[in-house]
Amino acid sequence: MALKRITLATLIFTLLGSIFALCVLGFKIPWAIPLTPILTFSSFIFSILHSSQIEGWIKTLFFVVLVVAAGLFFESLGVATGLVYGPYHYTDQLGPKFLGLVPFLIPVAWTFMMYPSMVIAKALTPTRWGLFQRGFTIAALSGVIMTAWDVVMDPMMVLGGNWVWEVKGAYFGVPLQNFWGWWLTTFVAVGLFQMITRKMPVKTPLIPDRWAVWMYVMTGTTSFATCLIVGLHGPALAGLFAMLPWMAMGLIKTAKGEKGN
């Protein structure tokens, strides 16, 4: 019960922090402390705590390790070669970098958004399907749900000076290849997780899986609002159409009961 309350507290903290960040941006409030790392880590902690009560601690550890490893591998390969996402590089704005290429904050962000994307995908995938078919579908669908966030997030983060595209991409300056890279990274991480843990015991959920969906909704909504505030109306609208169906279906499918599906 205590862990459940702590998990809810981290979700509420992230929500209030996100609202405060929007106020700082919208009303140009002087604020010296970077909010992005704080909100990223609070979201990361929420995802870990939530997963531990849905999947169990062993599966949660597998998930975090796989996502961090996949994120660092594909991102490092992408920055070094221009493959996967297209030619880009990170600025120093997001802090220290792994091998001088990818900020350590990036795999943390991959984890906190890939987890609710997987929760939504699992809710939408029929439980009667076989292990391979269900696992493959969850991985592929997680990639689509995760990539929908990048539709609104990427132009916003570029404008904020967090990374730089070295080519002029077709989507508000972002190469279309980037979205394939996002899908691939998520598909590999979630696919490996589904494959490795497919025969592990299924834990009785101790917490509503809907809370993870609310993290997806909250992050997406904050991204929409940020884009509108900074004048990125096109990405805001595109992101709304990309994420809204998954938000709605996720909330609908997790509406039954207090402890998940």
Protein backbone atom coordinates (compact mmCIF):
# COMPACT_ATOMS: atom_id res chain seq x y z
CA MET A 1 0.00 0.00 0.00
CA ALA A 2 2.86 2.38 0.84
CA LEU A 3 4.54 1.70 -2.51
CA LYS A 4 1.26 2.35 -4.29
CA ARG A 5 0.96 5.73 -2.57
CA ILE A 6 4.55 6.63 -3.42
CA THR A 7 3.89 5.72 -7.06
CA LEU A 8 0.82 7.94 -7.14
CA ALA A 9 2.80 10.73 -5.49
CA THR A 10 5.45 10.60 -8.23
CA LEU A 11 2.72 10.78 -10.88
CA ILE A 12 1.13 13.80 -9.18
CA PHE A 13 4.56 15.43 -8.69
CA THR A 14 5.27 15.03 -12.41
CA LEU A 15 1.87 16.48 -13.29
CA LEU A 16 2.32 19.52 -11.05
CA GLY A 17 5.89 19.96 -12.25
CA SER A 18 4.74 19.85 -15.86
CA ILE A 19 2.09 22.48 -15.19
CA PHE A 20 4.68 24.66 -13.47
CA ALA A 21 7.06 24.24 -16.43
CA LEU A 22 4.31 25.39 -18.80
CA CYS A 23 3.67 28.43 -16.59
CA VAL A 24 7.39 29.27 -16.55
CA LEU A 25 7.47 29.04 -20.34
CA GLY A 26 4.16 30.73 -21.04
CA PHE A 27 4.45 33.59 -18.57
CA LYS A 28 8.25 33.93 -18.94
CA ILE A 29 8.81 33.43 -15.20
CA PRO A 30 12.49 33.74 -14.23
CA TRP A 31 13.66 30.25 -13.26
CA ALA A 32 17.28 29.08 -13.13
CA ILE A 33 16.87 25.36 -12.29
CA PRO A 34 16.50 23.11 -15.40
CA LEU A 35 13.13 21.40 -15.18
CA THR A 36 13.58 18.86 -17.98
CA PRO A 37 15.96 16.57 -16.03
CA ILE A 38 13.79 16.77 -12.91
CA LEU A 39 10.60 15.85 -14.74
CA THR A 40 12.37 13.17 -16.76
CA PHE A 41 13.69 11.45 -13.64
CA SER A 42 10.38 11.74 -11.77
CA SER A 43 8.63 10.13 -14.75
CA PHE A 44 11.32 7.45 -14.86
CA ILE A 45 10.84 6.67 -11.17
CA PHE A 46 7.09 6.47 -11.68
CA SER A 47 7.49 3.97 -14.53
CA ILE A 48 9.83 1.77 -12.48
CA LEU A 49 7.59 1.79 -9.41
CA HIS A 50 4.47 1.19 -11.48
CA SER A 51 6.07 -1.65 -13.45
CA SER A 52 7.26 -3.33 -10.25
CA GLN A 53 3.64 -3.65 -9.13
CA ILE A 54 2.39 -4.82 -12.53
CA GLU A 55 5.26 -6.96 -13.83
CA GLY A 56 7.28 -7.58 -10.65
CA TRP A 57 10.79 -6.39 -9.83
CA ILE A 58 12.66 -9.01 -11.89
CA LYS A 59 10.76 -8.21 -15.08
CA THR A 60 11.08 -4.51 -14.36
CA LEU A 61 14.86 -4.87 -14.11
CA PHE A 62 14.93 -6.71 -17.43
CA PHE A 63 12.81 -3.98 -19.02
CA VAL A 64 14.98 -1.11 -17.80
CA VAL A 65 18.23 -2.83 -18.81
CA LEU A 66 16.91 -3.70 -22.28
CA VAL A 67 15.50 -0.22 -22.95
CA VAL A 68 18.64 1.56 -21.73
CA ALA A 69 20.88 -0.79 -23.74
CA ALA A 70 18.79 -0.48 -26.90
CA GLY A 71 18.47 3.28 -26.50
CA LEU A 72 22.20 3.81 -26.02
CA PHE A 73 23.10 1.42 -28.84
CA PHE A 74 20.80 2.86 -31.49
CA GLU A 75 21.32 6.47 -30.41
CA SER A 76 25.11 6.13 -30.32
CA LEU A 77 25.08 4.41 -33.70
CA GLY A 78 22.79 7.13 -35.03
CA VAL A 79 24.91 10.05 -33.81
CA ALA A 80 28.18 8.44 -34.92
CA THR A 81 27.08 7.34 -38.40
CA GLY A 82 23.83 9.10 -39.31
CA LEU A 83 22.15 5.71 -39.61
CA VAL A 84 18.92 4.74 -37.85
CA TYR A 85 17.42 8.22 -37.31
CA GLY A 86 19.27 10.38 -39.82
CA PRO A 87 22.28 12.69 -39.32
CA TYR A 88 22.06 14.61 -36.05
CA HIS A 89 24.00 15.44 -32.92
CA TYR A 90 23.20 16.41 -29.36
CA THR A 91 24.17 19.74 -27.84
CA ASP A 92 25.48 19.99 -24.27
CA GLN A 93 22.10 21.15 -22.99
CA LEU A 94 20.98 17.74 -21.72
CA GLY A 95 24.08 17.10 -19.66
CA PRO A 96 26.96 14.56 -19.74
CA LYS A 97 27.13 12.16 -22.68
CA PHE A 98 27.79 8.46 -23.10
CA LEU A 99 31.01 8.16 -25.16
CA GLY A 100 30.66 11.85 -25.89
CA LEU A 101 27.69 11.07 -28.15
CA VAL A 102 24.39 10.61 -26.30
CA PRO A 103 23.30 12.34 -23.07
CA PHE A 104 22.69 9.85 -20.26
CA LEU A 105 19.30 11.51 -19.83
CA ILE A 106 18.13 10.13 -23.20
CA PRO A 107 17.81 6.41 -22.26
CA VAL A 108 16.05 7.56 -19.09
CA ALA A 109 13.50 9.34 -21.28
CA TRP A 110 13.20 6.29 -23.54
CA THR A 111 12.35 4.18 -20.49
CA PHE A 112 9.69 6.41 -18.98
CA MET A 113 7.75 6.73 -22.25
CA MET A 114 8.35 3.26 -23.64
CA TYR A 115 6.79 1.72 -20.54
CA PRO A 116 3.33 3.37 -20.82
CA SER A 117 3.46 2.79 -24.58
CA MET A 118 3.88 -0.93 -23.85
CA VAL A 119 1.10 -0.87 -21.27
CA ILE A 120 -1.30 0.58 -23.85
CA ALA A 121 -0.14 -1.93 -26.49
CA LYS A 122 -0.70 -4.83 -24.08
CA ALA A 123 -4.18 -3.54 -23.25
CA LEU A 124 -5.06 -3.42 -26.95
CA THR A 125 -3.63 -6.84 -27.86
CA PRO A 126 -5.98 -9.84 -27.36
CA THR A 127 -4.87 -12.09 -24.50
CA ARG A 128 -6.16 -15.19 -26.30
CA TRP A 129 -3.41 -14.97 -28.93
CA GLY A 130 -0.37 -17.24 -28.73
CA LEU A 131 2.79 -16.09 -26.97
CA PHE A 132 4.73 -15.32 -30.16
CA GLN A 133 1.87 -13.59 -31.96
CA ARG A 134 0.93 -11.54 -28.92
CA GLY A 135 4.54 -10.63 -28.08
CA PHE A 136 5.31 -9.58 -31.67
CA THR A 137 2.13 -7.48 -31.84
CA ILE A 138 2.82 -5.79 -28.50
CA ALA A 139 6.35 -4.90 -29.64
CA ALA A 140 5.22 -3.57 -33.04
CA LEU A 141 2.29 -1.64 -31.58
CA SER A 142 4.44 -0.21 -28.78
CA GLY A 143 6.70 1.20 -31.48
CA VAL A 144 3.80 2.98 -33.17
CA ILE A 145 2.44 4.36 -29.89
CA MET A 146 5.89 5.53 -28.77
CA THR A 147 6.68 7.12 -32.15
CA ALA A 148 3.42 9.08 -32.02
CA TRP A 149 4.93 11.08 -29.15
CA ASP A 150 7.96 12.01 -31.26
CA VAL A 151 5.67 13.62 -33.83
CA VAL A 152 5.03 16.45 -31.37
CA MET A 153 8.16 16.17 -29.23
CA ASP A 154 10.99 16.26 -31.76
CA PRO A 155 10.39 19.71 -33.34
CA MET A 156 9.86 21.12 -29.84
CA MET A 157 13.15 19.76 -28.52
CA VAL A 158 15.03 20.92 -31.61
CA LEU A 159 13.67 24.43 -31.16
CA GLY A 160 14.77 24.26 -27.52
CA GLY A 161 18.34 23.57 -28.63
CA ASN A 162 18.62 20.02 -27.27
CA TRP A 163 19.78 18.43 -30.53
CA VAL A 164 20.50 19.53 -34.09
CA TRP A 165 19.49 17.89 -37.36
CA GLU A 166 22.29 18.17 -39.89
CA VAL A 167 19.89 17.99 -42.83
CA LYS A 168 16.63 19.77 -43.54
CA GLY A 169 14.03 17.08 -43.00
CA ALA A 170 10.60 16.90 -44.62
CA TYR A 171 8.68 17.02 -41.34
CA PHE A 172 9.20 20.51 -39.88
CA GLY A 173 12.94 20.03 -40.33
CA VAL A 174 12.95 16.45 -38.99
CA PRO A 175 13.94 13.64 -41.42
CA LEU A 176 11.21 11.08 -41.96
CA GLN A 177 13.82 8.39 -41.32
CA ASN A 178 13.81 9.48 -37.68
CA PHE A 179 10.34 8.04 -37.12
CA TRP A 180 11.40 4.67 -38.52
CA GLY A 181 14.33 4.75 -36.09
CA TRP A 182 12.02 5.44 -33.17
CA TRP A 183 9.77 2.54 -34.14
CA LEU A 184 12.75 0.21 -34.60
CA THR A 185 14.33 1.10 -31.24
CA THR A 186 11.07 0.51 -29.39
CA PHE A 187 10.27 -2.67 -31.34
CA VAL A 188 13.67 -4.18 -30.51
CA ALA A 189 13.59 -3.26 -26.81
CA VAL A 190 9.98 -4.34 -26.18
CA GLY A 191 10.34 -7.37 -28.45
CA LEU A 192 13.36 -8.62 -26.51
CA PHE A 193 11.53 -7.99 -23.25
CA GLN A 194 8.51 -9.97 -24.42
CA MET A 195 10.70 -12.82 -25.65
CA ILE A 196 12.90 -13.07 -22.56
CA THR A 197 10.07 -12.81 -20.03
CA ARG A 198 7.36 -14.72 -21.91
CA LYS A 199 7.59 -17.81 -19.68
CA MET A 200 8.06 -15.98 -16.40
CA PRO A 201 5.15 -16.13 -13.92
CA VAL A 202 2.40 -13.57 -14.49
CA LYS A 203 2.01 -11.31 -11.46
CA THR A 204 -1.38 -10.22 -10.13
CA PRO A 205 -1.45 -6.43 -10.66
CA LEU A 206 -1.29 -4.48 -7.41
CA ILE A 207 -1.93 -1.10 -9.00
CA PRO A 208 -4.17 0.25 -11.79
CA ASP A 209 -2.46 -0.04 -15.17
CA ARG A 210 -4.46 3.03 -16.11
CA TRP A 211 -2.00 5.19 -14.16
CA ALA A 212 0.64 4.40 -16.79
CA VAL A 213 -1.80 5.50 -19.49
CA TRP A 214 -2.24 8.78 -17.63
CA MET A 215 1.54 9.26 -17.80
CA TYR A 216 1.32 8.91 -21.59
CA VAL A 217 -1.63 11.32 -21.70
CA MET A 218 0.08 13.83 -19.43
CA THR A 219 3.37 13.79 -21.34
CA GLY A 220 1.60 14.15 -24.68
CA THR A 221 -0.65 16.94 -23.47
CA THR A 222 2.30 18.83 -22.02
CA SER A 223 4.12 18.49 -25.34
CA PHE A 224 1.08 19.80 -27.26
CA ALA A 225 0.79 22.79 -24.96
CA THR A 226 4.51 23.54 -25.17
CA CYS A 227 4.41 23.51 -28.97
CA LEU A 228 1.46 25.89 -28.96
CA ILE A 229 3.21 28.27 -26.55
CA VAL A 230 6.40 28.43 -28.64
CA GLY A 231 4.52 28.78 -31.94
CA LEU A 232 4.93 25.25 -33.32
CA HIS A 233 1.28 24.94 -34.29
CA GLY A 234 1.87 22.40 -37.07
CA PRO A 235 3.67 19.83 -34.89
CA ALA A 236 1.12 20.41 -32.11
CA LEU A 237 -1.77 19.57 -34.45
CA ALA A 238 0.04 16.62 -36.03
CA GLY A 239 1.00 15.29 -32.62
CA LEU A 240 -2.56 15.61 -31.40
CA PHE A 241 -3.83 13.45 -34.26
CA ALA A 242 -0.97 10.98 -33.75
CA MET A 243 -1.34 10.53 -29.99
CA LEU A 244 -5.02 11.12 -29.29
CA PRO A 245 -6.25 7.73 -30.61
CA TRP A 246 -3.79 5.87 -28.34
CA MET A 247 -4.69 8.06 -25.38
CA ALA A 248 -8.40 7.39 -25.89
CA MET A 249 -8.07 3.65 -26.56
CA GLY A 250 -5.67 3.23 -23.66
CA LEU A 251 -8.03 4.92 -21.22
CA ILE A 252 -11.01 2.96 -22.53
CA LYS A 253 -9.29 -0.42 -22.40
CA THR A 254 -7.94 0.14 -18.87
CA ALA A 255 -11.20 1.52 -17.50
CA LYS A 256 -12.36 -1.79 -16.03
CA GLY A 257 -11.43 -2.51 -12.45
CA GLU A 258 -8.94 -0.93 -10.11
CA LYS A 259 -6.03 -3.31 -10.75
CA GLY A 260 -5.53 -3.37 -14.51
CA ASN A 261 -7.10 -5.58 -17.14
